[in-house]
N, C-alpha and C. Protein backbone atom coordinates (compact mmCIF):
# COMPACT_ATOMS: atom_id res chain seq x y z
N MET A 1 105.28 57.29 108.49
CA MET A 1 106.12 56.52 109.39
C MET A 1 107.57 57.03 109.27
N CYS A 2 108.21 57.23 110.38
CA CYS A 2 109.59 57.70 110.38
C CYS A 2 110.43 56.68 111.16
N ARG A 3 111.44 56.18 110.51
CA ARG A 3 112.31 55.24 111.20
C ARG A 3 113.72 55.79 111.26
N THR A 4 114.50 55.27 112.17
CA THR A 4 115.88 55.72 112.34
C THR A 4 116.82 54.64 111.82
N LEU A 5 117.77 55.07 111.00
CA LEU A 5 118.79 54.18 110.44
C LEU A 5 120.16 54.78 110.69
N THR A 6 121.14 53.92 110.80
CA THR A 6 122.50 54.45 110.83
C THR A 6 122.86 54.87 109.42
N VAL A 7 123.85 55.73 109.30
CA VAL A 7 124.30 56.15 107.98
C VAL A 7 124.79 54.94 107.19
N SER A 8 125.45 54.01 107.84
CA SER A 8 125.93 52.79 107.16
C SER A 8 124.76 51.97 106.62
N GLN A 9 123.71 51.79 107.44
CA GLN A 9 122.53 51.05 106.98
C GLN A 9 121.90 51.73 105.78
N ALA A 10 121.80 53.06 105.84
CA ALA A 10 121.19 53.80 104.75
C ALA A 10 122.01 53.67 103.47
N SER A 11 123.33 53.70 103.60
CA SER A 11 124.18 53.60 102.40
C SER A 11 124.08 52.21 101.76
N ARG A 12 123.97 51.18 102.59
CA ARG A 12 123.87 49.82 102.04
C ARG A 12 122.53 49.57 101.36
N ALA A 13 121.48 50.25 101.81
CA ALA A 13 120.15 50.04 101.26
C ALA A 13 119.56 51.35 100.72
N PHE A 14 120.43 52.17 100.12
CA PHE A 14 120.00 53.50 99.70
C PHE A 14 118.85 53.46 98.69
N SER A 15 118.94 52.60 97.71
CA SER A 15 117.89 52.51 96.69
C SER A 15 116.55 52.14 97.34
N ASP A 16 116.57 51.17 98.23
CA ASP A 16 115.35 50.77 98.94
C ASP A 16 114.81 51.92 99.79
N LEU A 17 115.71 52.62 100.46
CA LEU A 17 115.30 53.76 101.28
C LEU A 17 114.61 54.82 100.43
N ILE A 18 115.20 55.18 99.30
CA ILE A 18 114.61 56.19 98.43
C ILE A 18 113.26 55.72 97.88
N ASN A 19 113.15 54.44 97.53
CA ASN A 19 111.87 53.92 97.04
C ASN A 19 110.79 53.99 98.12
N ARG A 20 111.14 53.68 99.36
CA ARG A 20 110.17 53.78 100.46
C ARG A 20 109.72 55.22 100.66
N VAL A 21 110.66 56.14 100.55
CA VAL A 21 110.32 57.56 100.71
C VAL A 21 109.42 58.00 99.56
N ARG A 22 109.79 57.65 98.36
CA ARG A 22 109.04 58.12 97.19
C ARG A 22 107.66 57.48 97.05
N TYR A 23 107.61 56.15 97.16
CA TYR A 23 106.37 55.45 96.85
C TYR A 23 105.48 55.17 98.06
N GLN A 24 106.06 55.11 99.24
CA GLN A 24 105.25 54.82 100.42
C GLN A 24 105.12 56.01 101.35
N GLY A 25 105.77 57.12 101.01
CA GLY A 25 105.66 58.32 101.81
C GLY A 25 106.36 58.24 103.15
N GLU A 26 107.25 57.28 103.31
CA GLU A 26 107.98 57.14 104.57
C GLU A 26 109.06 58.21 104.68
N SER A 27 109.53 58.41 105.88
CA SER A 27 110.67 59.28 106.09
C SER A 27 111.65 58.55 107.00
N ALA A 28 112.88 59.02 107.02
CA ALA A 28 113.91 58.34 107.81
C ALA A 28 114.86 59.36 108.42
N VAL A 29 115.25 59.09 109.65
CA VAL A 29 116.28 59.88 110.32
C VAL A 29 117.57 59.07 110.22
N LEU A 30 118.63 59.73 109.78
CA LEU A 30 119.93 59.06 109.67
C LEU A 30 120.79 59.46 110.86
N ALA A 31 121.39 58.47 111.49
CA ALA A 31 122.19 58.71 112.68
C ALA A 31 123.63 58.29 112.45
N LYS A 32 124.54 59.05 113.02
CA LYS A 32 125.96 58.73 112.97
C LYS A 32 126.47 58.80 114.40
N ASN A 33 127.13 57.73 114.83
CA ASN A 33 127.61 57.63 116.21
C ASN A 33 126.48 57.85 117.21
N GLY A 34 125.30 57.34 116.86
CA GLY A 34 124.15 57.41 117.76
C GLY A 34 123.43 58.74 117.80
N LYS A 35 123.88 59.71 117.01
CA LYS A 35 123.25 61.03 117.02
C LYS A 35 122.59 61.31 115.67
N PRO A 36 121.35 61.81 115.67
CA PRO A 36 120.69 62.16 114.41
C PRO A 36 121.45 63.24 113.67
N VAL A 37 121.65 63.03 112.37
CA VAL A 37 122.39 64.02 111.57
C VAL A 37 121.60 64.50 110.35
N ALA A 38 120.61 63.73 109.92
CA ALA A 38 119.85 64.12 108.73
C ALA A 38 118.50 63.44 108.75
N LYS A 39 117.58 64.02 107.98
CA LYS A 39 116.26 63.42 107.83
C LYS A 39 115.93 63.41 106.35
N ILE A 40 115.44 62.29 105.86
CA ILE A 40 115.02 62.16 104.47
C ILE A 40 113.50 62.08 104.47
N ILE A 41 112.88 63.02 103.74
CA ILE A 41 111.42 63.06 103.66
C ILE A 41 111.01 63.21 102.20
N PRO A 42 109.78 62.82 101.88
CA PRO A 42 109.31 63.04 100.50
C PRO A 42 109.30 64.53 100.18
N VAL A 43 109.64 64.88 98.96
CA VAL A 43 109.68 66.27 98.55
C VAL A 43 108.32 66.93 98.69
N ASP A 44 107.28 66.24 98.33
CA ASP A 44 105.96 66.85 98.34
C ASP A 44 105.30 66.83 99.71
N GLN A 45 106.03 66.46 100.73
CA GLN A 45 105.48 66.43 102.08
C GLN A 45 105.68 67.81 102.71
N ASN A 46 104.73 68.68 102.50
CA ASN A 46 104.79 70.01 103.08
C ASN A 46 103.86 70.07 104.28
N ILE A 47 104.40 70.42 105.39
CA ILE A 47 103.61 70.54 106.60
C ILE A 47 103.27 72.00 106.79
N THR A 48 102.00 72.27 106.93
CA THR A 48 101.55 73.65 107.10
C THR A 48 101.49 74.00 108.57
N GLY A 49 101.38 75.28 108.84
CA GLY A 49 101.19 75.74 110.21
C GLY A 49 99.94 75.15 110.82
N LYS A 50 98.89 75.02 110.02
CA LYS A 50 97.64 74.43 110.52
C LYS A 50 97.86 72.97 110.91
N ASP A 51 98.64 72.23 110.08
CA ASP A 51 98.97 70.84 110.41
C ASP A 51 99.73 70.77 111.73
N LEU A 52 100.71 71.66 111.89
CA LEU A 52 101.48 71.67 113.13
C LEU A 52 100.61 71.98 114.34
N ALA A 53 99.75 72.96 114.17
CA ALA A 53 98.87 73.34 115.28
C ALA A 53 98.00 72.17 115.71
N GLY A 54 97.54 71.38 114.75
CA GLY A 54 96.70 70.24 115.08
C GLY A 54 97.48 69.07 115.65
N SER A 55 98.76 69.00 115.32
CA SER A 55 99.54 67.86 115.78
C SER A 55 100.28 68.10 117.09
N TRP A 56 100.49 69.35 117.44
CA TRP A 56 101.15 69.66 118.70
C TRP A 56 100.10 70.01 119.74
N PRO A 57 99.96 69.20 120.77
CA PRO A 57 98.94 69.48 121.80
C PRO A 57 99.06 70.89 122.37
N SER A 58 100.26 71.39 122.49
CA SER A 58 100.43 72.72 123.07
C SER A 58 99.95 73.83 122.13
N LEU A 59 99.73 73.50 120.85
CA LEU A 59 99.26 74.50 119.90
C LEU A 59 97.81 74.29 119.49
N SER A 60 97.17 73.26 120.00
CA SER A 60 95.81 72.95 119.56
C SER A 60 94.81 74.03 119.94
N HIS A 61 95.20 74.93 120.81
CA HIS A 61 94.31 76.01 121.20
C HIS A 61 94.25 77.13 120.18
N LEU A 62 95.07 77.07 119.16
CA LEU A 62 95.08 78.14 118.16
C LEU A 62 93.79 78.15 117.35
N THR A 63 93.32 79.35 117.09
CA THR A 63 92.17 79.49 116.20
C THR A 63 92.64 79.29 114.77
N ALA A 64 91.70 79.19 113.84
CA ALA A 64 92.07 79.03 112.43
C ALA A 64 92.91 80.21 111.97
N GLU A 65 92.55 81.42 112.39
CA GLU A 65 93.31 82.61 112.00
C GLU A 65 94.72 82.58 112.58
N GLU A 66 94.86 82.18 113.84
CA GLU A 66 96.18 82.11 114.47
C GLU A 66 97.04 81.04 113.79
N ALA A 67 96.42 79.90 113.44
CA ALA A 67 97.15 78.84 112.75
C ALA A 67 97.62 79.34 111.38
N HIS A 68 96.77 80.11 110.70
CA HIS A 68 97.16 80.66 109.40
C HIS A 68 98.32 81.64 109.56
N ARG A 69 98.28 82.49 110.56
CA ARG A 69 99.38 83.43 110.80
C ARG A 69 100.67 82.67 111.14
N PHE A 70 100.52 81.61 111.93
CA PHE A 70 101.67 80.79 112.29
C PHE A 70 102.28 80.17 111.03
N GLU A 71 101.43 79.67 110.14
CA GLU A 71 101.90 79.09 108.89
C GLU A 71 102.63 80.14 108.05
N THR A 72 102.09 81.34 108.00
CA THR A 72 102.73 82.43 107.26
C THR A 72 104.08 82.77 107.87
N ASP A 73 104.14 82.83 109.19
CA ASP A 73 105.40 83.12 109.87
C ASP A 73 106.45 82.04 109.56
N LEU A 74 106.03 80.77 109.58
CA LEU A 74 106.96 79.68 109.27
C LEU A 74 107.48 79.81 107.84
N SER A 75 106.60 80.11 106.92
CA SER A 75 106.99 80.26 105.53
C SER A 75 107.99 81.40 105.36
N GLU A 76 107.73 82.52 106.01
CA GLU A 76 108.64 83.65 105.93
C GLU A 76 109.99 83.32 106.57
N ALA A 77 109.95 82.59 107.68
CA ALA A 77 111.20 82.21 108.35
C ALA A 77 112.02 81.28 107.46
N ARG A 78 111.35 80.32 106.79
CA ARG A 78 112.07 79.42 105.88
C ARG A 78 112.71 80.20 104.74
N SER A 79 111.97 81.19 104.22
CA SER A 79 112.49 81.99 103.10
C SER A 79 113.70 82.82 103.52
N ALA A 80 113.75 83.20 104.78
CA ALA A 80 114.84 84.04 105.27
C ALA A 80 116.12 83.25 105.55
N LEU A 81 116.01 81.93 105.60
CA LEU A 81 117.19 81.11 105.87
C LEU A 81 118.17 81.23 104.70
N PRO A 82 119.45 81.26 105.01
CA PRO A 82 120.42 81.32 103.90
C PRO A 82 120.38 80.01 103.12
N SER A 83 120.57 80.13 101.81
CA SER A 83 120.59 78.92 101.01
C SER A 83 121.89 78.16 101.28
N VAL A 84 121.79 76.87 101.25
CA VAL A 84 122.94 76.02 101.51
C VAL A 84 123.49 75.53 100.18
N LYS A 85 124.76 75.78 99.96
CA LYS A 85 125.38 75.34 98.72
C LYS A 85 125.53 73.83 98.75
N ASP A 86 125.13 73.20 97.66
CA ASP A 86 125.23 71.75 97.53
C ASP A 86 126.68 71.37 97.27
N LYS A 87 127.31 70.72 98.24
CA LYS A 87 128.72 70.39 98.08
C LYS A 87 128.97 69.31 97.03
N TRP A 88 127.91 68.68 96.53
CA TRP A 88 128.07 67.64 95.53
C TRP A 88 128.10 68.20 94.12
N GLU A 89 127.76 69.47 93.97
CA GLU A 89 127.76 70.06 92.62
C GLU A 89 129.17 70.38 92.17
């Protein structure tokens, strides 16, 4: 389940939000001024290319091999992204 919260709502109930993410597997989109700015998801929630192919109607035509290649491509694309420095460190 994914719900949308304002950044203010999330900050007031941050502990509850984190507990829902960790223990109930929920995710949340955080919005500021009505626009989505971040998404909080469980760390162990890894979506594979095969999962995406099954969940997107436009990709359901992919064979198992094509879904596997798509998953590999996604993984390689994620690895190629520049790392983001944590400004809180």
